[in-house]
């Protein structure tokens, strides 16, 4: 917390604006849209809810297809299923770890050939690093497929000076407890389409028609954010730039401390982009990477340090085992499967102390010294 949240919460209580409407909601929407440079914004209960609403606004329904990266959290894909549509999974680009433009191009070309173009493409900016939006938007414009930008992890990241979440028809942000700013739980839908945002608010408040009684002619949802949580978000937004610099500093300390290990490769930042470095993620470049990652994780757990593997690709999940998947290279293995086996996320919080970060680095150094000796013996 920034320390200013209590003032906004107190104001909401004093004025008795507790429900999912009120001045903090309006102000938070205005401040977010002003920060990212969108035409408007709609505050909702989660980033997942924002994706669901975006797809609904684009007319996604039963039997439709939606392209989505495989290498992401399941919340990027679940809303596709909510609407009875099917996700088509796209591999990662090794240059960004995000959606592969080459794989997307093949998926759309094949869809166009058989009259099965997707209704939308969901692009994710993984761990705060931007996807190749210039290439992806060019491809989608050529095929006439709208983009929903899942910027849940990338608030404050930019591509060519333009904020994440503003390249697609709709952008979404998450304010879950682990994000770079939080409302404890919440999300935001941003767009230049003001009428669509008005429709999103209507759908998010149970699609209640204009009438003196409760009347509903469309299916709606209980997706609006409360005025209290919006107040927390306003205080958090005031320190967003500081949080971005703090996370980038955490990343640079890791990078500098571990640069002498040629086996360690950090998540790349594409030229022309600036990541908020929400999480510092790395891979081990070794034939024994899977084994090495397991030992690193075990050592961190013994030291009471929380680390996690990179996302298990969605096309490998039992829920989506029958869905189509396009690899980065037509003849190659899946990039995202390789990243999953070789990668790990390190502690990256904005309030991470130098002492605690030093502990993480020391454990990783110790394990790497042990492992490089072990792997050298195994090779010999």
Protein backbone atom coordinates (compact mmCIF):
# COMPACT_ATOMS: atom_id res chain seq x y z
CA UNK A 1 0.00 0.00 0.00
CA UNK A 2 1.11 3.55 -0.73
CA UNK A 3 -0.20 4.99 2.56
CA UNK A 4 -2.80 7.22 0.91
CA UNK A 5 -5.49 4.56 0.43
CA UNK A 6 -7.09 5.18 3.83
CA UNK A 7 -7.94 8.76 2.88
CA UNK A 8 -9.90 7.63 -0.18
CA UNK A 9 -11.58 4.81 1.75
CA UNK A 10 -12.49 7.22 4.53
CA UNK A 11 -14.04 9.58 2.02
CA UNK A 12 -16.17 6.77 0.61
CA UNK A 13 -17.37 5.80 4.09
CA UNK A 14 -18.01 9.38 5.14
CA UNK A 15 -20.17 9.98 2.05
CA UNK A 16 -21.78 6.52 2.31
CA UNK A 17 -20.71 5.61 -1.26
CA UNK A 18 -20.04 1.90 -0.71
CA UNK A 19 -21.93 0.24 -3.57
CA UNK A 20 -20.65 -0.43 -7.14
CA UNK A 21 -21.13 3.21 -8.13
CA UNK A 22 -19.91 6.55 -6.85
CA UNK A 23 -17.41 9.33 -7.39
CA UNK A 24 -14.30 7.15 -6.92
CA UNK A 25 -15.48 4.82 -9.71
CA UNK A 26 -15.92 7.73 -12.11
CA UNK A 27 -12.60 9.29 -11.12
CA UNK A 28 -10.65 6.01 -11.29
CA UNK A 29 -11.99 5.32 -14.78
CA UNK A 30 -11.05 8.82 -15.89
CA UNK A 31 -7.58 8.64 -14.33
CA UNK A 32 -6.76 5.25 -15.86
CA UNK A 33 -7.90 6.32 -19.32
CA UNK A 34 -5.91 9.53 -18.92
CA UNK A 35 -2.79 7.62 -17.89
CA UNK A 36 -2.85 5.13 -20.78
CA UNK A 37 -4.31 7.53 -23.36
CA UNK A 38 -7.53 5.70 -24.18
CA UNK A 39 -10.87 7.30 -24.98
CA UNK A 40 -12.45 5.88 -21.84
CA UNK A 41 -12.49 3.07 -19.29
CA UNK A 42 -14.94 0.90 -17.35
CA UNK A 43 -14.02 -0.39 -13.89
CA UNK A 44 -15.02 -4.01 -13.28
CA UNK A 45 -14.56 -6.78 -10.73
CA UNK A 46 -11.54 -8.48 -12.36
CA UNK A 47 -9.34 -8.61 -15.43
CA UNK A 48 -11.09 -11.85 -16.38
CA UNK A 49 -14.45 -10.05 -16.30
CA UNK A 50 -12.99 -7.36 -18.58
CA UNK A 51 -11.87 -9.98 -21.13
CA UNK A 52 -15.31 -11.62 -20.98
CA UNK A 53 -17.04 -8.29 -21.62
CA UNK A 54 -14.64 -7.40 -24.46
CA UNK A 55 -15.35 -10.69 -26.24
CA UNK A 56 -19.09 -10.27 -25.69
CA UNK A 57 -18.92 -6.77 -27.18
CA UNK A 58 -17.15 -8.20 -30.23
CA UNK A 59 -20.01 -10.63 -30.77
CA UNK A 60 -18.13 -13.79 -29.83
CA UNK A 61 -20.56 -16.64 -29.33
CA UNK A 62 -21.32 -20.33 -29.70
CA UNK A 63 -19.10 -22.08 -32.23
CA UNK A 64 -16.80 -19.10 -32.85
CA UNK A 65 -13.02 -19.30 -32.63
CA UNK A 66 -10.68 -16.91 -30.79
CA UNK A 67 -6.88 -16.95 -31.07
CA UNK A 68 -5.04 -16.79 -27.76
CA UNK A 69 -1.42 -17.36 -26.70
CA UNK A 70 -0.77 -20.74 -25.15
CA UNK A 71 1.91 -19.36 -22.85
CA UNK A 72 -0.24 -17.43 -20.37
CA UNK A 73 -2.44 -17.76 -17.31
CA UNK A 74 -5.69 -19.63 -17.90
CA UNK A 75 -7.77 -16.48 -17.24
CA UNK A 76 -6.76 -15.27 -20.71
CA UNK A 77 -8.60 -18.22 -22.30
CA UNK A 78 -11.44 -19.12 -19.93
CA UNK A 79 -13.73 -16.25 -21.05
CA UNK A 80 -13.63 -17.68 -24.58
CA UNK A 81 -15.25 -20.83 -23.23
CA UNK A 82 -17.73 -18.80 -21.13
CA UNK A 83 -19.27 -17.68 -24.44
CA UNK A 84 -19.34 -21.14 -26.01
CA UNK A 85 -16.45 -20.34 -28.35
CA UNK A 86 -13.22 -22.31 -28.80
CA UNK A 87 -9.68 -21.03 -28.23
CA UNK A 88 -7.07 -21.54 -30.93
CA UNK A 89 -3.70 -21.51 -29.21
CA UNK A 90 -0.68 -19.68 -30.61
CA UNK A 91 2.94 -20.46 -29.71
CA UNK A 92 5.48 -17.99 -28.34
CA UNK A 93 8.11 -16.05 -30.24
CA UNK A 94 11.59 -16.80 -28.83
CA UNK A 95 12.48 -13.10 -29.20
CA UNK A 96 9.75 -11.95 -26.82
CA UNK A 97 8.23 -15.08 -25.18
CA UNK A 98 4.89 -13.55 -26.19
CA UNK A 99 2.55 -14.44 -29.06
CA UNK A 100 4.45 -15.45 -32.19
CA UNK A 101 3.49 -13.28 -35.19
CA UNK A 102 4.62 -16.12 -37.49
CA UNK A 103 2.33 -18.66 -35.82
CA UNK A 104 -0.55 -16.18 -35.75
CA UNK A 105 -0.07 -15.46 -39.46
CA UNK A 106 -0.36 -19.19 -40.27
CA UNK A 107 -3.44 -19.59 -38.10
CA UNK A 108 -5.22 -16.65 -39.74
CA UNK A 109 -4.16 -17.66 -43.26
CA UNK A 110 -5.55 -21.15 -42.74
CA UNK A 111 -8.70 -19.75 -41.17
CA UNK A 112 -9.23 -17.42 -44.13
CA UNK A 113 -8.68 -20.27 -46.57
CA UNK A 114 -11.42 -22.39 -45.01
CA UNK A 115 -13.77 -19.54 -44.06
CA UNK A 116 -13.04 -19.92 -40.35
CA UNK A 117 -11.32 -16.72 -39.36
CA UNK A 118 -11.42 -16.13 -35.59
CA UNK A 119 -13.81 -13.56 -34.18
CA UNK A 120 -10.94 -12.01 -32.19
CA UNK A 121 -7.29 -12.34 -31.23
CA UNK A 122 -6.33 -12.04 -27.56
CA UNK A 123 -2.75 -10.79 -27.14
CA UNK A 124 -1.04 -11.05 -23.74
CA UNK A 125 1.92 -9.00 -22.50
CA UNK A 126 3.54 -11.67 -20.37
CA UNK A 127 5.22 -10.77 -17.07
CA UNK A 128 4.95 -7.10 -18.06
CA UNK A 129 6.95 -7.41 -21.31
CA UNK A 130 5.28 -6.21 -24.49
CA UNK A 131 4.42 -8.51 -27.38
CA UNK A 132 5.45 -7.46 -30.90
CA UNK A 133 2.38 -5.28 -31.32
CA UNK A 134 3.54 -3.63 -34.54
CA UNK A 135 3.73 -7.00 -36.31
CA UNK A 136 0.61 -8.42 -34.66
CA UNK A 137 -1.60 -5.40 -35.37
CA UNK A 138 -0.43 -5.39 -38.99
CA UNK A 139 -1.38 -9.06 -39.39
CA UNK A 140 -4.77 -8.64 -37.70
CA UNK A 141 -5.62 -5.54 -39.75
CA UNK A 142 -4.81 -7.43 -42.94
CA UNK A 143 -7.29 -10.17 -42.03
CA UNK A 144 -9.84 -7.84 -40.43
CA UNK A 145 -9.70 -9.53 -37.01
CA UNK A 146 -10.04 -7.31 -33.91
CA UNK A 147 -7.55 -7.46 -31.02
CA UNK A 148 -8.28 -7.73 -27.31
CA UNK A 149 -5.13 -6.75 -25.44
CA UNK A 150 -4.67 -8.65 -22.17
CA UNK A 151 -2.46 -6.15 -20.38
CA UNK A 152 -3.26 -7.57 -16.94
CA UNK A 153 0.43 -7.72 -16.05
CA UNK A 154 1.73 -4.78 -18.08
CA UNK A 155 0.18 -1.56 -16.79
CA UNK A 156 2.90 1.06 -17.28
CA UNK A 157 4.70 -0.83 -20.08
CA UNK A 158 5.10 0.83 -23.47
CA UNK A 159 5.81 0.08 -27.13
CA UNK A 160 7.20 2.97 -29.20
CA UNK A 161 6.07 5.28 -26.38
CA UNK A 162 2.48 4.01 -26.50
CA UNK A 163 0.96 2.43 -23.39
CA UNK A 164 0.07 -1.25 -23.31
CA UNK A 165 -3.66 -1.89 -23.57
CA UNK A 166 -4.20 0.76 -26.26
CA UNK A 167 -3.23 -1.11 -29.44
CA UNK A 168 -6.35 -3.29 -29.72
CA UNK A 169 -10.07 -2.62 -29.99
CA UNK A 170 -10.17 -3.27 -26.26
CA UNK A 171 -7.50 -3.42 -23.56
CA UNK A 172 -7.79 -4.95 -20.12
CA UNK A 173 -5.93 -4.44 -16.86
CA UNK A 174 -6.00 -6.41 -13.61
CA UNK A 175 -5.76 -5.01 -10.09
CA UNK A 176 -5.51 -8.38 -8.36
CA UNK A 177 -3.47 -8.50 -5.16
CA UNK A 178 -0.26 -9.52 -6.94
CA UNK A 179 -0.32 -6.90 -9.72
CA UNK A 180 1.88 -3.81 -9.93
CA UNK A 181 -0.98 -1.78 -8.44
CA UNK A 182 -3.91 -3.39 -6.66
CA UNK A 183 -7.45 -2.72 -5.50
CA UNK A 184 -7.32 -6.13 -3.73
CA UNK A 185 -9.48 -7.42 -6.57
CA UNK A 186 -10.61 -5.62 -9.68
CA UNK A 187 -10.00 -4.87 -13.33
CA UNK A 188 -10.46 -2.26 -16.03
CA UNK A 189 -11.66 -2.33 -19.63
CA UNK A 190 -10.26 0.46 -21.81
CA UNK A 191 -11.17 1.48 -25.35
CA UNK A 192 -11.60 4.40 -27.72
CA UNK A 193 -15.12 3.13 -28.42
CA UNK A 194 -17.15 5.10 -25.87
CA UNK A 195 -20.45 3.52 -26.89
CA UNK A 196 -18.98 0.06 -26.39
CA UNK A 197 -17.81 1.04 -22.90
CA UNK A 198 -21.30 2.25 -22.06
CA UNK A 199 -22.61 -1.14 -23.21
CA UNK A 200 -19.96 -2.83 -21.03
CA UNK A 201 -21.19 -0.96 -17.96
CA UNK A 202 -24.76 -1.94 -18.81
CA UNK A 203 -23.83 -5.63 -19.14
CA UNK A 204 -21.71 -5.45 -15.98
CA UNK A 205 -24.69 -4.27 -13.89
CA UNK A 206 -26.96 -7.23 -14.75
CA UNK A 207 -28.07 -5.57 -18.01
CA UNK A 208 -30.89 -3.76 -16.24
CA UNK A 209 -33.10 -1.92 -18.73
CA UNK A 210 -34.20 1.69 -18.27
CA UNK A 211 -37.49 1.18 -16.43
CA UNK A 212 -39.03 2.08 -13.05
CA UNK A 213 -39.12 -1.65 -12.23
CA UNK A 214 -36.51 -4.39 -12.66
CA UNK A 215 -36.61 -5.38 -16.32
CA UNK A 216 -34.01 -7.33 -18.28
CA UNK A 217 -34.02 -8.05 -22.01
CA UNK A 218 -30.38 -9.18 -22.27
CA UNK A 219 -28.11 -11.48 -20.31
CA UNK A 220 -25.97 -9.49 -17.91
CA UNK A 221 -23.36 -10.01 -15.21
CA UNK A 222 -22.50 -8.75 -11.73
CA UNK A 223 -19.13 -7.33 -12.77
CA UNK A 224 -18.91 -3.73 -11.51
CA UNK A 225 -16.20 -2.56 -9.10
CA UNK A 226 -17.20 -1.01 -5.78
CA UNK A 227 -16.58 2.65 -4.97
CA UNK A 228 -14.41 1.61 -2.00
CA UNK A 229 -12.07 -0.49 -4.13
CA UNK A 230 -11.90 2.26 -6.75
CA UNK A 231 -10.69 4.61 -4.00
CA UNK A 232 -7.86 2.18 -3.22
CA UNK A 233 -7.06 2.08 -6.94
CA UNK A 234 -6.82 5.87 -7.16
CA UNK A 235 -4.22 5.96 -4.39
CA UNK A 236 -2.31 3.12 -6.03
CA UNK A 237 -2.33 4.81 -9.43
CA UNK A 238 -0.61 7.84 -7.89
CA UNK A 239 2.50 5.70 -7.25
CA UNK A 240 2.39 3.55 -10.41
CA UNK A 241 5.43 5.19 -12.00
CA UNK A 242 7.40 4.65 -8.78
CA UNK A 243 6.35 0.98 -8.78
CA UNK A 244 7.50 0.56 -12.38
CA UNK A 245 10.91 2.02 -11.55
CA UNK A 246 11.16 -0.18 -8.44
CA UNK A 247 10.40 -3.35 -10.44
CA UNK A 248 12.81 -2.37 -13.18
CA UNK A 249 15.48 -1.76 -10.55
CA UNK A 250 14.86 -5.23 -9.07
CA UNK A 251 15.32 -6.69 -12.54
CA UNK A 252 18.54 -4.76 -13.20
CA UNK A 253 20.05 -5.89 -9.87
CA UNK A 254 19.35 -9.53 -10.77
CA UNK A 255 20.71 -9.01 -14.26
CA UNK A 256 23.93 -7.37 -13.07
CA UNK A 257 24.51 -9.89 -10.27
CA UNK A 258 24.01 -12.96 -12.48
CA UNK A 259 25.39 -11.81 -15.82
CA UNK A 260 28.53 -13.95 -15.45
CA UNK A 261 26.42 -17.12 -15.77
CA UNK A 262 26.15 -17.78 -19.50
CA UNK A 263 23.48 -20.41 -18.76
CA UNK A 264 21.09 -17.77 -17.34
CA UNK A 265 18.95 -15.92 -19.88
CA UNK A 266 16.49 -13.25 -18.72
CA UNK A 267 13.18 -12.55 -20.44
CA UNK A 268 13.98 -10.25 -23.36
CA UNK A 269 12.67 -6.73 -23.81
CA UNK A 270 11.94 -6.07 -27.49
CA UNK A 271 13.59 -3.04 -29.13
CA UNK A 272 11.31 0.00 -28.89
CA UNK A 273 9.51 -1.37 -25.82
CA UNK A 274 9.84 -0.62 -22.12
CA UNK A 275 8.63 -3.28 -19.70
CA UNK A 276 7.32 -2.60 -16.21
CA UNK A 277 9.21 -5.82 -15.29
CA UNK A 278 6.26 -6.96 -13.20
CA UNK A 279 8.06 -10.26 -12.68
CA UNK A 280 11.71 -11.05 -13.30
CA UNK A 281 11.74 -14.31 -15.24
CA UNK A 282 14.68 -16.29 -16.56
CA UNK A 283 15.53 -19.52 -18.33
CA UNK A 284 18.44 -21.91 -17.97
CA UNK A 285 20.22 -22.55 -21.25
CA UNK A 286 21.54 -26.08 -20.77
CA UNK A 287 20.76 -29.63 -21.95
CA UNK A 288 20.11 -30.32 -18.25
CA UNK A 289 17.83 -27.28 -17.75
CA UNK A 290 14.79 -29.23 -16.52
CA UNK A 291 16.85 -30.94 -13.80
CA UNK A 292 18.60 -27.68 -12.89
CA UNK A 293 15.32 -25.79 -12.51
CA UNK A 294 13.97 -28.47 -10.17
CA UNK A 295 17.07 -28.22 -7.94
CA UNK A 296 16.94 -24.41 -7.93
CA UNK A 297 13.29 -24.47 -6.86
CA UNK A 298 14.01 -27.01 -4.11
CA UNK A 299 16.91 -24.89 -2.78
CA UNK A 300 14.72 -21.76 -2.77
CA UNK A 301 11.96 -23.55 -0.87
CA UNK A 302 14.48 -24.73 1.76
CA UNK A 303 15.57 -21.09 2.14
CA UNK A 304 11.91 -20.00 2.58
CA UNK A 305 11.97 -18.11 -0.74
CA UNK A 306 8.93 -18.37 -3.02
CA UNK A 307 9.69 -19.00 -6.68
CA UNK A 308 7.50 -20.43 -9.43
CA UNK A 309 8.02 -22.11 -12.77
CA UNK A 310 6.94 -20.27 -15.91
CA UNK A 311 3.39 -20.85 -17.13
CA UNK A 312 2.50 -24.35 -18.23
CA UNK A 313 1.20 -23.82 -21.79
CA UNK A 314 -2.57 -23.96 -22.11
CA UNK A 315 -2.52 -26.45 -24.99
CA UNK A 316 -0.88 -28.87 -22.51
CA UNK A 317 -3.67 -28.43 -19.96
CA UNK A 318 -6.28 -31.22 -19.72
CA UNK A 319 -9.07 -28.65 -20.14
CA UNK A 320 -7.77 -27.65 -23.59
CA UNK A 321 -6.12 -30.86 -24.79
CA UNK A 322 -8.31 -31.06 -27.91
CA UNK A 323 -7.84 -27.46 -29.05
CA UNK A 324 -5.83 -26.39 -32.10
CA UNK A 325 -2.28 -25.16 -31.50
CA UNK A 326 0.07 -23.42 -33.95
CA UNK A 327 3.83 -23.54 -33.33
CA UNK A 328 6.23 -20.68 -33.99
CA UNK A 329 7.95 -22.68 -36.72
CA UNK A 330 5.84 -24.84 -39.01
CA UNK A 331 8.36 -27.67 -38.77
CA UNK A 332 9.70 -26.97 -35.28
CA UNK A 333 8.91 -27.86 -31.69
CA UNK A 334 6.85 -25.56 -29.50
CA UNK A 335 8.78 -22.59 -28.10
CA UNK A 336 6.41 -22.24 -25.13
CA UNK A 337 6.90 -25.89 -24.11
CA UNK A 338 10.65 -25.32 -24.01
CA UNK A 339 10.24 -22.13 -21.96
CA UNK A 340 8.05 -23.98 -19.46
CA UNK A 341 10.70 -26.66 -18.91
CA UNK A 342 13.62 -24.23 -18.62
CA UNK A 343 12.15 -21.20 -16.84
CA UNK A 344 11.54 -19.76 -13.41
CA UNK A 345 10.14 -16.53 -11.88
CA UNK A 346 12.10 -14.83 -9.10
CA UNK A 347 10.75 -12.68 -6.24
CA UNK A 348 10.11 -9.25 -7.79
CA UNK A 349 7.93 -7.21 -5.47
CA UNK A 350 8.11 -3.41 -5.50
CA UNK A 351 9.01 -3.49 -1.79
CA UNK A 352 11.66 -6.21 -2.09
CA UNK A 353 14.62 -5.14 0.06
CA UNK A 354 18.22 -5.29 -1.10
CA UNK A 355 18.89 -7.73 1.75
CA UNK A 356 16.15 -10.12 0.64
CA UNK A 357 17.09 -9.83 -3.00
CA UNK A 358 20.66 -10.62 -1.98
CA UNK A 359 19.41 -13.81 -0.30
CA UNK A 360 17.72 -14.87 -3.54
CA UNK A 361 20.88 -14.18 -5.53
CA UNK A 362 23.07 -16.05 -3.02
CA UNK A 363 20.89 -19.17 -3.17
CA UNK A 364 20.85 -19.09 -6.96
CA UNK A 365 24.64 -18.57 -7.07
CA UNK A 366 25.23 -21.51 -4.70
CA UNK A 367 23.02 -23.85 -6.72
CA UNK A 368 24.56 -22.76 -10.03
CA UNK A 369 28.06 -23.44 -8.69
CA UNK A 370 26.97 -26.93 -7.59
CA UNK A 371 25.08 -27.65 -10.79
CA UNK A 372 27.73 -26.55 -13.22
CA UNK A 373 30.13 -28.93 -11.50
CA UNK A 374 27.62 -31.74 -11.58
CA UNK A 375 26.73 -31.23 -15.25
CA UNK A 376 30.42 -31.03 -16.19
CA UNK A 377 30.98 -34.42 -14.52
CA UNK A 378 27.91 -35.86 -16.26
CA UNK A 379 29.19 -34.73 -19.66
CA UNK A 380 32.66 -36.14 -18.95
